[in-house]
Amino acid sequence: MTSRSTYHHGDLRQAVLAAALDVIAAEGPGALSLRDLARRAGVSHAAPAHHFKDRTGLLTAIATEGYGLLAEALADAPELRERGVRYVRFATAHPAHFQVMFQPELLRADDPDLLAAKDRASAELRAGVADVKHVPDARTAGIAAWSLAHGFATLLLTHNVDAAMGGRDPEEYFRSLTGLLFSAQPATGEWE
């Protein structure tokens, strides 16, 4: 049996998510309105609420989807540097998800689907650090690696490094950044 929204619209949930991602990419999450998204989808203003309850529910669904996509993007990366490259690639391929995922004030922090998706993505990030030898504090090393990838991705998406990159491929540029920072041997041992 088909649900009423499927019968009348196709996949209303997915249509609203897609429209929301377009709005966020163009104008940011502050521009989202369920009423506007309903108008774009050609349904009653109350229809999106059946799937998301409210704006926060919609943003939480976007973040949940984003963390799932990030976990998939990071899975099976051969080493920490390539996980960073995949993180940057994810951010550039999914800029609207990326914007929403890291603004906890926009989300339902206790949403079980969101928590599960965040856990999957976090596990993939931690897996990259687990393979690095001679790291006295894996948690701090993980935060350092995440900071580098997230910071670079944010600067890239906000066009703050366009001139510095001089038209170079962002993934190759990120690899060169990590090489520059991590190629030197510390006085007490090796990085790898």
N, C-alpha and C. Protein backbone atom coordinates (compact mmCIF):
# COMPACT_ATOMS: atom_id res chain seq x y z
N MET A 1 0.84 -1.18 0.00
CA MET A 1 0.00 0.00 0.00
C MET A 1 0.88 1.24 0.00
N THR A 2 0.54 2.22 -0.77
CA THR A 2 1.34 3.45 -0.87
C THR A 2 0.85 4.46 0.14
N SER A 3 1.80 5.20 0.69
CA SER A 3 1.40 6.24 1.63
C SER A 3 0.75 7.38 0.86
N ARG A 4 0.00 8.18 1.57
CA ARG A 4 -0.72 9.26 0.93
C ARG A 4 0.23 10.25 0.25
N SER A 5 1.35 10.61 0.94
CA SER A 5 2.29 11.56 0.32
C SER A 5 2.96 10.95 -0.90
N THR A 6 3.22 9.65 -0.86
CA THR A 6 3.81 9.01 -2.03
C THR A 6 2.81 9.00 -3.18
N TYR A 7 1.55 8.72 -2.87
CA TYR A 7 0.52 8.67 -3.90
C TYR A 7 0.34 10.02 -4.56
N HIS A 8 0.33 11.08 -3.77
CA HIS A 8 0.06 12.40 -4.32
C HIS A 8 1.29 13.12 -4.87
N HIS A 9 2.47 12.82 -4.34
CA HIS A 9 3.60 13.61 -4.74
C HIS A 9 4.77 12.80 -5.29
N GLY A 10 4.82 11.56 -5.07
CA GLY A 10 6.04 10.82 -5.33
C GLY A 10 6.71 10.66 -3.99
N ASP A 11 7.93 11.11 -3.88
CA ASP A 11 8.63 11.04 -2.60
C ASP A 11 8.77 12.44 -2.04
N LEU A 12 7.77 12.87 -1.31
CA LEU A 12 7.75 14.23 -0.76
C LEU A 12 8.93 14.47 0.16
N ARG A 13 9.25 13.50 0.99
CA ARG A 13 10.37 13.68 1.93
C ARG A 13 11.64 14.02 1.17
N GLN A 14 11.94 13.22 0.15
CA GLN A 14 13.15 13.45 -0.63
C GLN A 14 13.08 14.76 -1.41
N ALA A 15 11.91 15.12 -1.91
CA ALA A 15 11.76 16.38 -2.64
C ALA A 15 12.01 17.57 -1.73
N VAL A 16 11.52 17.50 -0.50
CA VAL A 16 11.73 18.59 0.46
C VAL A 16 13.21 18.67 0.85
N LEU A 17 13.83 17.51 1.09
CA LEU A 17 15.26 17.50 1.40
C LEU A 17 16.08 18.11 0.27
N ALA A 18 15.79 17.73 -0.96
CA ALA A 18 16.53 18.25 -2.11
C ALA A 18 16.35 19.76 -2.24
N ALA A 19 15.11 20.23 -2.07
CA ALA A 19 14.85 21.67 -2.15
C ALA A 19 15.57 22.40 -1.03
N ALA A 20 15.56 21.81 0.16
CA ALA A 20 16.24 22.44 1.31
C ALA A 20 17.74 22.54 1.05
N LEU A 21 18.33 21.50 0.50
CA LEU A 21 19.76 21.54 0.20
C LEU A 21 20.09 22.63 -0.82
N ASP A 22 19.20 22.82 -1.81
CA ASP A 22 19.39 23.90 -2.78
C ASP A 22 19.36 25.26 -2.10
N VAL A 23 18.39 25.46 -1.22
CA VAL A 23 18.27 26.74 -0.50
C VAL A 23 19.50 26.98 0.36
N ILE A 24 19.92 25.96 1.10
CA ILE A 24 21.08 26.11 1.98
C ILE A 24 22.33 26.42 1.18
N ALA A 25 22.53 25.73 0.07
CA ALA A 25 23.71 25.97 -0.76
C ALA A 25 23.74 27.40 -1.29
N ALA A 26 22.57 27.92 -1.63
CA ALA A 26 22.50 29.26 -2.21
C ALA A 26 22.46 30.37 -1.16
N GLU A 27 21.73 30.13 -0.05
CA GLU A 27 21.47 31.22 0.89
C GLU A 27 21.81 30.91 2.34
N GLY A 28 22.18 29.69 2.64
CA GLY A 28 22.50 29.30 4.01
C GLY A 28 21.29 28.76 4.74
N PRO A 29 21.51 28.07 5.86
CA PRO A 29 20.42 27.44 6.59
C PRO A 29 19.42 28.42 7.17
N GLY A 30 19.82 29.65 7.40
CA GLY A 30 18.91 30.65 7.94
C GLY A 30 17.77 30.99 7.00
N ALA A 31 17.92 30.71 5.73
CA ALA A 31 16.89 31.03 4.74
C ALA A 31 15.82 29.96 4.62
N LEU A 32 15.97 28.85 5.34
CA LEU A 32 15.00 27.75 5.22
C LEU A 32 13.66 28.09 5.85
N SER A 33 12.62 27.73 5.14
CA SER A 33 11.25 27.86 5.62
C SER A 33 10.47 26.67 5.10
N LEU A 34 9.79 25.94 5.99
CA LEU A 34 9.00 24.80 5.55
C LEU A 34 7.89 25.24 4.60
N ARG A 35 7.33 26.40 4.84
CA ARG A 35 6.27 26.91 3.97
C ARG A 35 6.80 27.14 2.56
N ASP A 36 8.00 27.74 2.45
CA ASP A 36 8.60 27.97 1.13
C ASP A 36 8.93 26.64 0.45
N LEU A 37 9.45 25.68 1.21
CA LEU A 37 9.79 24.39 0.63
C LEU A 37 8.53 23.67 0.15
N ALA A 38 7.43 23.80 0.88
CA ALA A 38 6.15 23.20 0.46
C ALA A 38 5.70 23.83 -0.86
N ARG A 39 5.84 25.14 -0.95
CA ARG A 39 5.47 25.84 -2.19
C ARG A 39 6.31 25.34 -3.35
N ARG A 40 7.61 25.20 -3.13
CA ARG A 40 8.52 24.71 -4.18
C ARG A 40 8.15 23.29 -4.62
N ALA A 41 7.71 22.48 -3.65
CA ALA A 41 7.35 21.09 -3.95
C ALA A 41 5.94 20.97 -4.49
N GLY A 42 5.17 22.07 -4.45
CA GLY A 42 3.80 22.05 -4.97
C GLY A 42 2.82 21.31 -4.08
N VAL A 43 3.06 21.37 -2.77
CA VAL A 43 2.16 20.71 -1.82
C VAL A 43 1.66 21.72 -0.80
N SER A 44 0.71 21.32 0.02
CA SER A 44 0.19 22.23 1.05
C SER A 44 1.29 22.62 2.02
N HIS A 45 1.12 23.76 2.65
CA HIS A 45 2.16 24.24 3.56
C HIS A 45 2.36 23.32 4.76
N ALA A 46 1.39 22.50 5.07
CA ALA A 46 1.50 21.58 6.21
C ALA A 46 2.15 20.25 5.84
N ALA A 47 2.22 19.94 4.56
CA ALA A 47 2.70 18.61 4.13
C ALA A 47 4.12 18.28 4.62
N PRO A 48 5.11 19.17 4.54
CA PRO A 48 6.45 18.81 5.01
C PRO A 48 6.49 18.47 6.50
N ALA A 49 5.60 19.04 7.27
CA ALA A 49 5.58 18.77 8.71
C ALA A 49 5.27 17.31 9.02
N HIS A 50 4.61 16.63 8.11
CA HIS A 50 4.33 15.20 8.32
C HIS A 50 5.62 14.38 8.34
N HIS A 51 6.64 14.87 7.64
CA HIS A 51 7.91 14.14 7.57
C HIS A 51 8.94 14.68 8.55
N PHE A 52 8.91 15.99 8.83
CA PHE A 52 9.99 16.60 9.60
C PHE A 52 9.52 17.30 10.88
N LYS A 53 8.26 17.42 11.08
CA LYS A 53 7.64 18.09 12.23
C LYS A 53 7.86 19.60 12.17
N ASP A 54 9.12 20.03 12.06
CA ASP A 54 9.41 21.46 12.03
C ASP A 54 10.77 21.68 11.35
N ARG A 55 11.19 22.93 11.32
CA ARG A 55 12.44 23.31 10.67
C ARG A 55 13.64 22.58 11.30
N THR A 56 13.64 22.48 12.63
CA THR A 56 14.72 21.79 13.32
C THR A 56 14.77 20.32 12.91
N GLY A 57 13.60 19.70 12.76
CA GLY A 57 13.55 18.32 12.31
C GLY A 57 14.12 18.15 10.91
N LEU A 58 13.82 19.10 10.04
CA LEU A 58 14.36 19.08 8.68
C LEU A 58 15.88 19.22 8.70
N LEU A 59 16.39 20.17 9.46
CA LEU A 59 17.84 20.37 9.54
C LEU A 59 18.52 19.15 10.16
N THR A 60 17.86 18.53 11.14
CA THR A 60 18.41 17.32 11.75
C THR A 60 18.47 16.19 10.73
N ALA A 61 17.45 16.07 9.89
CA ALA A 61 17.45 15.05 8.83
C ALA A 61 18.58 15.31 7.83
N ILE A 62 18.83 16.56 7.51
CA ILE A 62 19.92 16.91 6.59
C ILE A 62 21.26 16.55 7.21
N ALA A 63 21.45 16.89 8.48
CA ALA A 63 22.70 16.56 9.15
C ALA A 63 22.89 15.05 9.24
N THR A 64 21.83 14.33 9.55
CA THR A 64 21.90 12.88 9.64
C THR A 64 22.33 12.28 8.30
N GLU A 65 21.70 12.75 7.23
CA GLU A 65 22.08 12.29 5.90
C GLU A 65 23.54 12.64 5.62
N GLY A 66 23.95 13.84 6.00
CA GLY A 66 25.33 14.28 5.79
C GLY A 66 26.34 13.41 6.51
N TYR A 67 26.09 13.11 7.77
CA TYR A 67 27.02 12.25 8.51
C TYR A 67 27.09 10.86 7.90
N GLY A 68 25.97 10.36 7.41
CA GLY A 68 25.99 9.06 6.73
C GLY A 68 26.83 9.10 5.47
N LEU A 69 26.67 10.18 4.69
CA LEU A 69 27.47 10.34 3.47
C LEU A 69 28.96 10.49 3.81
N LEU A 70 29.25 11.21 4.89
CA LEU A 70 30.65 11.39 5.30
C LEU A 70 31.25 10.04 5.70
N ALA A 71 30.51 9.26 6.48
CA ALA A 71 31.02 7.94 6.89
C ALA A 71 31.32 7.08 5.66
N GLU A 72 30.43 7.10 4.67
CA GLU A 72 30.65 6.34 3.43
C GLU A 72 31.89 6.86 2.70
N ALA A 73 32.04 8.17 2.68
CA ALA A 73 33.19 8.76 1.97
C ALA A 73 34.52 8.38 2.62
N LEU A 74 34.53 8.25 3.93
CA LEU A 74 35.76 7.95 4.65
C LEU A 74 36.08 6.46 4.71
N ALA A 75 35.08 5.64 4.52
CA ALA A 75 35.25 4.19 4.67
C ALA A 75 36.36 3.66 3.76
N ASP A 76 37.16 2.81 4.32
CA ASP A 76 38.20 2.09 3.58
C ASP A 76 39.28 2.98 2.98
N ALA A 77 39.43 4.20 3.49
CA ALA A 77 40.55 5.02 3.03
C ALA A 77 41.84 4.35 3.50
N PRO A 78 42.86 4.33 2.65
CA PRO A 78 44.06 3.55 2.99
C PRO A 78 44.88 4.12 4.16
N GLU A 79 44.81 5.41 4.41
CA GLU A 79 45.60 5.98 5.51
C GLU A 79 45.05 7.36 5.88
N LEU A 80 45.59 7.92 6.94
CA LEU A 80 45.04 9.16 7.52
C LEU A 80 45.01 10.31 6.51
N ARG A 81 46.05 10.51 5.76
CA ARG A 81 46.08 11.62 4.80
C ARG A 81 44.94 11.50 3.80
N GLU A 82 44.70 10.29 3.30
CA GLU A 82 43.62 10.10 2.33
C GLU A 82 42.25 10.26 2.97
N ARG A 83 42.12 9.97 4.26
CA ARG A 83 40.86 10.27 4.94
C ARG A 83 40.64 11.78 4.95
N GLY A 84 41.70 12.53 5.15
CA GLY A 84 41.58 13.98 5.09
C GLY A 84 41.18 14.47 3.71
N VAL A 85 41.76 13.87 2.69
CA VAL A 85 41.41 14.23 1.31
C VAL A 85 39.94 13.91 1.06
N ARG A 86 39.49 12.76 1.52
CA ARG A 86 38.09 12.39 1.33
C ARG A 86 37.16 13.31 2.12
N TYR A 87 37.61 13.78 3.26
CA TYR A 87 36.83 14.73 4.05
C TYR A 87 36.64 16.02 3.24
N VAL A 88 37.72 16.52 2.67
CA VAL A 88 37.66 17.73 1.84
C VAL A 88 36.78 17.49 0.63
N ARG A 89 36.92 16.33 0.00
CA ARG A 89 36.09 15.99 -1.16
C ARG A 89 34.61 15.96 -0.77
N PHE A 90 34.31 15.37 0.37
CA PHE A 90 32.92 15.34 0.85
C PHE A 90 32.39 16.76 1.01
N ALA A 91 33.15 17.63 1.65
CA ALA A 91 32.71 19.01 1.90
C ALA A 91 32.43 19.74 0.60
N THR A 92 33.27 19.55 -0.40
CA THR A 92 33.06 20.26 -1.67
C THR A 92 31.92 19.65 -2.47
N ALA A 93 31.69 18.35 -2.32
CA ALA A 93 30.60 17.69 -3.04
C ALA A 93 29.24 17.92 -2.36
N HIS A 94 29.25 18.17 -1.05
CA HIS A 94 28.01 18.31 -0.27
C HIS A 94 28.08 19.55 0.63
N PRO A 95 28.25 20.73 0.04
CA PRO A 95 28.44 21.93 0.87
C PRO A 95 27.25 22.27 1.77
N ALA A 96 26.05 21.98 1.34
CA ALA A 96 24.89 22.30 2.18
C ALA A 96 24.84 21.37 3.39
N HIS A 97 25.09 20.10 3.18
CA HIS A 97 25.16 19.17 4.32
C HIS A 97 26.24 19.65 5.29
N PHE A 98 27.40 19.96 4.73
CA PHE A 98 28.56 20.37 5.54
C PHE A 98 28.22 21.58 6.40
N GLN A 99 27.51 22.55 5.84
CA GLN A 99 27.12 23.74 6.60
C GLN A 99 26.25 23.40 7.80
N VAL A 100 25.33 22.49 7.61
CA VAL A 100 24.35 22.16 8.65
C VAL A 100 24.94 21.23 9.71
N MET A 101 25.74 20.28 9.31
CA MET A 101 26.24 19.25 10.21
C MET A 101 26.97 19.81 11.42
N PHE A 102 27.67 20.89 11.25
CA PHE A 102 28.54 21.40 12.30
C PHE A 102 27.97 22.65 12.98
N GLN A 103 26.65 22.77 12.96
CA GLN A 103 25.96 23.84 13.69
C GLN A 103 24.97 23.19 14.65
N PRO A 104 25.45 22.67 15.77
CA PRO A 104 24.59 21.91 16.68
C PRO A 104 23.38 22.69 17.20
N GLU A 105 23.47 23.99 17.22
CA GLU A 105 22.33 24.80 17.69
C GLU A 105 21.13 24.71 16.75
N LEU A 106 21.35 24.23 15.53
CA LEU A 106 20.26 24.08 14.57
C LEU A 106 19.57 22.72 14.65
N LEU A 107 20.15 21.79 15.42
CA LEU A 107 19.75 20.39 15.36
C LEU A 107 19.13 19.90 16.67
N ARG A 108 18.44 18.76 16.57
CA ARG A 108 17.97 18.04 17.75
C ARG A 108 19.12 17.13 18.20
N ALA A 109 19.85 17.57 19.17
CA ALA A 109 21.06 16.87 19.61
C ALA A 109 20.79 15.46 20.09
N ASP A 110 19.57 15.18 20.53
CA ASP A 110 19.26 13.85 21.08
C ASP A 110 18.58 12.92 20.06
N ASP A 111 18.51 13.33 18.81
CA ASP A 111 17.86 12.51 17.79
C ASP A 111 18.66 11.21 17.60
N PRO A 112 18.02 10.04 17.79
CA PRO A 112 18.77 8.78 17.70
C PRO A 112 19.41 8.52 16.34
N ASP A 113 18.73 8.90 15.26
CA ASP A 113 19.31 8.69 13.93
C ASP A 113 20.54 9.58 13.73
N LEU A 114 20.45 10.81 14.20
CA LEU A 114 21.58 11.73 14.11
C LEU A 114 22.76 11.19 14.92
N LEU A 115 22.50 10.76 16.14
CA LEU A 115 23.57 10.24 17.00
C LEU A 115 24.24 9.02 16.37
N ALA A 116 23.45 8.14 15.79
CA ALA A 116 24.01 6.94 15.15
C ALA A 116 24.87 7.32 13.94
N ALA A 117 24.39 8.26 13.14
CA ALA A 117 25.15 8.69 11.95
C ALA A 117 26.45 9.39 12.37
N LYS A 118 26.39 10.22 13.40
CA LYS A 118 27.60 10.88 13.91
C LYS A 118 28.60 9.86 14.42
N ASP A 119 28.10 8.85 15.11
CA ASP A 119 28.98 7.80 15.63
C ASP A 119 29.69 7.06 14.50
N ARG A 120 28.97 6.76 13.41
CA ARG A 120 29.59 6.09 12.27
C ARG A 120 30.69 6.96 11.65
N ALA A 121 30.39 8.24 11.46
CA ALA A 121 31.39 9.14 10.87
C ALA A 121 32.59 9.29 11.80
N SER A 122 32.33 9.43 13.10
CA SER A 122 33.43 9.56 14.07
C SER A 122 34.31 8.32 14.09
N ALA A 123 33.69 7.16 14.01
CA ALA A 123 34.46 5.91 13.98
C ALA A 123 35.38 5.86 12.76
N GLU A 124 34.88 6.34 11.64
CA GLU A 124 35.72 6.36 10.43
C GLU A 124 36.87 7.35 10.58
N LEU A 125 36.61 8.49 11.20
CA LEU A 125 37.69 9.46 11.43
C LEU A 125 38.73 8.88 12.38
N ARG A 126 38.27 8.25 13.47
CA ARG A 126 39.20 7.65 14.44
C ARG A 126 40.00 6.51 13.83
N ALA A 127 39.42 5.77 12.92
CA ALA A 127 40.12 4.64 12.31
C ALA A 127 41.39 5.10 11.59
N GLY A 128 41.37 6.28 11.04
CA GLY A 128 42.56 6.80 10.36
C GLY A 128 43.69 7.08 11.32
N VAL A 129 43.37 7.53 12.51
CA VAL A 129 44.40 7.85 13.50
C VAL A 129 44.95 6.58 14.11
N ALA A 130 44.13 5.55 14.20
CA ALA A 130 44.56 4.29 14.82
C ALA A 130 45.75 3.67 14.10
N ASP A 131 45.91 3.95 12.82
CA ASP A 131 47.01 3.37 12.05
C ASP A 131 48.31 4.17 12.14
N VAL A 132 48.26 5.35 12.72
CA VAL A 132 49.45 6.18 12.81
C VAL A 132 50.29 5.72 14.01
N LYS A 133 51.56 5.42 13.75
CA LYS A 133 52.44 4.93 14.81
C LYS A 133 53.06 6.11 15.56
N HIS A 134 53.47 5.84 16.76
CA HIS A 134 54.19 6.81 17.60
C HIS A 134 53.37 8.04 17.92
N VAL A 135 52.08 7.86 18.09
CA VAL A 135 51.23 8.97 18.52
C VAL A 135 50.91 8.73 19.99
N PRO A 136 51.43 9.58 20.88
CA PRO A 136 51.21 9.34 22.30
C PRO A 136 49.75 9.53 22.73
N ASP A 137 49.03 10.38 22.06
CA ASP A 137 47.65 10.67 22.44
C ASP A 137 46.79 10.65 21.17
N ALA A 138 46.18 9.50 20.91
CA ALA A 138 45.40 9.33 19.68
C ALA A 138 44.23 10.30 19.61
N ARG A 139 43.61 10.61 20.73
CA ARG A 139 42.47 11.53 20.73
C ARG A 139 42.90 12.93 20.27
N THR A 140 44.00 13.41 20.81
CA THR A 140 44.50 14.73 20.43
C THR A 140 44.97 14.72 18.97
N ALA A 141 45.60 13.64 18.55
CA ALA A 141 46.03 13.53 17.15
C ALA A 141 44.82 13.53 16.23
N GLY A 142 43.75 12.86 16.64
CA GLY A 142 42.52 12.85 15.85
C GLY A 142 41.91 14.23 15.71
N ILE A 143 41.91 14.98 16.81
CA ILE A 143 41.37 16.35 16.76
C ILE A 143 42.25 17.22 15.87
N ALA A 144 43.56 17.03 15.94
CA ALA A 144 44.47 17.80 15.09
C ALA A 144 44.22 17.50 13.61
N ALA A 145 44.08 16.22 13.28
CA ALA A 145 43.83 15.83 11.88
C ALA A 145 42.49 16.35 11.41
N TRP A 146 41.47 16.22 12.25
CA TRP A 146 40.13 16.72 11.90
C TRP A 146 40.17 18.23 11.71
N SER A 147 40.87 18.92 12.61
CA SER A 147 40.97 20.38 12.51
C SER A 147 41.59 20.81 11.20
N LEU A 148 42.63 20.12 10.79
CA LEU A 148 43.28 20.47 9.53
C LEU A 148 42.33 20.25 8.35
N ALA A 149 41.70 19.09 8.28
CA ALA A 149 40.80 18.80 7.16
C ALA A 149 39.57 19.71 7.19
N HIS A 150 38.98 19.87 8.37
CA HIS A 150 37.77 20.69 8.48
C HIS A 150 38.09 22.16 8.21
N GLY A 151 39.19 22.62 8.75
CA GLY A 151 39.58 24.02 8.52
C GLY A 151 39.84 24.30 7.06
N PHE A 152 40.58 23.42 6.42
CA PHE A 152 40.86 23.60 5.00
C PHE A 152 39.57 23.56 4.19
N ALA A 153 38.70 22.59 4.48
CA ALA A 153 37.43 22.48 3.75
C ALA A 153 36.59 23.75 3.93
N THR A 154 36.55 24.27 5.14
CA THR A 154 35.78 25.49 5.41
C THR A 154 36.37 26.68 4.66
N LEU A 155 37.68 26.82 4.68
CA LEU A 155 38.33 27.91 3.94
C LEU A 155 38.09 27.77 2.44
N LEU A 156 38.09 26.54 1.97
CA LEU A 156 37.84 26.28 0.56
C LEU A 156 36.42 26.66 0.17
N LEU A 157 35.44 26.24 0.97
CA LEU A 157 34.03 26.52 0.65
C LEU A 157 33.70 28.01 0.75
N THR A 158 34.41 28.73 1.59
CA THR A 158 34.15 30.17 1.73
C THR A 158 35.06 31.00 0.82
N HIS A 159 35.80 30.32 -0.04
CA HIS A 159 36.66 30.95 -1.04
C HIS A 159 37.77 31.81 -0.42
N ASN A 160 38.17 31.48 0.79
CA ASN A 160 39.24 32.23 1.45
C ASN A 160 40.64 31.79 1.03
N VAL A 161 40.76 30.66 0.33
CA VAL A 161 42.08 30.21 -0.10
C VAL A 161 42.20 30.16 -1.62
N ASP A 162 41.22 30.69 -2.32
CA ASP A 162 41.25 30.64 -3.79
C ASP A 162 42.53 31.26 -4.35
N ALA A 163 42.86 32.45 -3.92
CA ALA A 163 44.05 33.14 -4.45
C ALA A 163 45.32 32.39 -4.07
N ALA A 164 45.39 31.91 -2.84
CA ALA A 164 46.59 31.20 -2.38
C ALA A 164 46.80 29.89 -3.15
N MET A 165 45.72 29.24 -3.51
CA MET A 165 45.82 27.97 -4.22
C MET A 165 46.20 28.16 -5.69
N GLY A 166 45.92 29.32 -6.23
CA GLY A 166 46.31 29.61 -7.60
C GLY A 166 45.75 28.64 -8.62
N GLY A 167 44.51 28.19 -8.42
CA GLY A 167 43.88 27.30 -9.39
C GLY A 167 44.26 25.83 -9.26
N ARG A 168 45.07 25.49 -8.26
CA ARG A 168 45.45 24.08 -8.07
C ARG A 168 44.26 23.26 -7.60
N ASP A 169 44.28 21.98 -7.88
CA ASP A 169 43.26 21.04 -7.44
C ASP A 169 43.24 21.02 -5.90
N PRO A 170 42.06 21.21 -5.29
CA PRO A 170 41.98 21.26 -3.82
C PRO A 170 42.50 19.99 -3.14
N GLU A 171 42.25 18.84 -3.71
CA GLU A 171 42.71 17.61 -3.08
C GLU A 171 44.24 17.51 -3.10
N GLU A 172 44.84 17.88 -4.23
CA GLU A 172 46.30 17.86 -4.31
C GLU A 172 46.89 18.93 -3.39
N TYR A 173 46.23 20.07 -3.33
CA TYR A 173 46.71 21.13 -2.45
C TYR A 173 46.67 20.66 -1.00
N PHE A 174 45.59 19.97 -0.60
CA PHE A 174 45.49 19.46 0.76
C PHE A 174 46.60 18.44 1.02
N ARG A 175 46.86 17.56 0.07
CA ARG A 175 47.95 16.59 0.23
C ARG A 175 49.28 17.31 0.45
N SER A 176 49.51 18.38 -0.31
CA SER A 176 50.77 19.10 -0.13
C SER A 176 50.83 19.80 1.23
N LEU A 177 49.68 20.29 1.72
CA LEU A 177 49.66 20.89 3.06
C LEU A 177 50.02 19.87 4.12
N THR A 178 49.42 18.70 4.04
CA THR A 178 49.72 17.69 5.05
C THR A 178 51.16 17.22 4.93
N GLY A 179 51.66 17.13 3.72
CA GLY A 179 53.06 16.75 3.53
C GLY A 179 54.00 17.78 4.12
N LEU A 180 53.66 19.04 3.95
CA LEU A 180 54.47 20.12 4.48
C LEU A 180 54.51 20.07 6.00
N LEU A 181 53.37 19.81 6.61
CA LEU A 181 53.29 19.80 8.07
C LEU A 181 53.83 18.53 8.69
N PHE A 182 53.68 17.40 8.02
CA PHE A 182 54.01 16.14 8.65
C PHE A 182 55.23 15.43 8.08
N SER A 183 55.95 16.07 7.16
CA SER A 183 57.12 15.41 6.58
C SER A 183 58.33 15.52 7.50
N ALA A 184 58.38 16.57 8.32
CA ALA A 184 59.51 16.73 9.23
C ALA A 184 59.45 15.67 10.32
N GLN A 185 60.61 15.16 10.71
CA GLN A 185 60.65 14.16 11.77
C GLN A 185 60.73 14.87 13.12
N PRO A 186 59.90 14.49 14.07
CA PRO A 186 60.01 15.07 15.40
C PRO A 186 61.28 14.59 16.07
N ALA A 187 61.75 15.33 17.02
CA ALA A 187 63.02 15.02 17.68
C ALA A 187 62.98 13.68 18.40
N THR A 188 61.83 13.22 18.85
CA THR A 188 61.75 12.01 19.65
C THR A 188 61.42 10.76 18.85
N GLY A 189 61.23 10.83 17.57
CA GLY A 189 60.89 9.63 16.81
C GLY A 189 60.32 9.96 15.46
N GLU A 190 59.62 9.01 14.90
CA GLU A 190 59.06 9.16 13.58
C GLU A 190 57.58 9.46 13.65
N TRP A 191 57.05 10.06 12.58
CA TRP A 191 55.60 10.28 12.47
C TRP A 191 54.92 8.98 12.13
N GLU A 192 55.53 8.18 11.31
CA GLU A 192 54.86 6.96 10.84
C GLU A 192 55.60 5.74 11.33
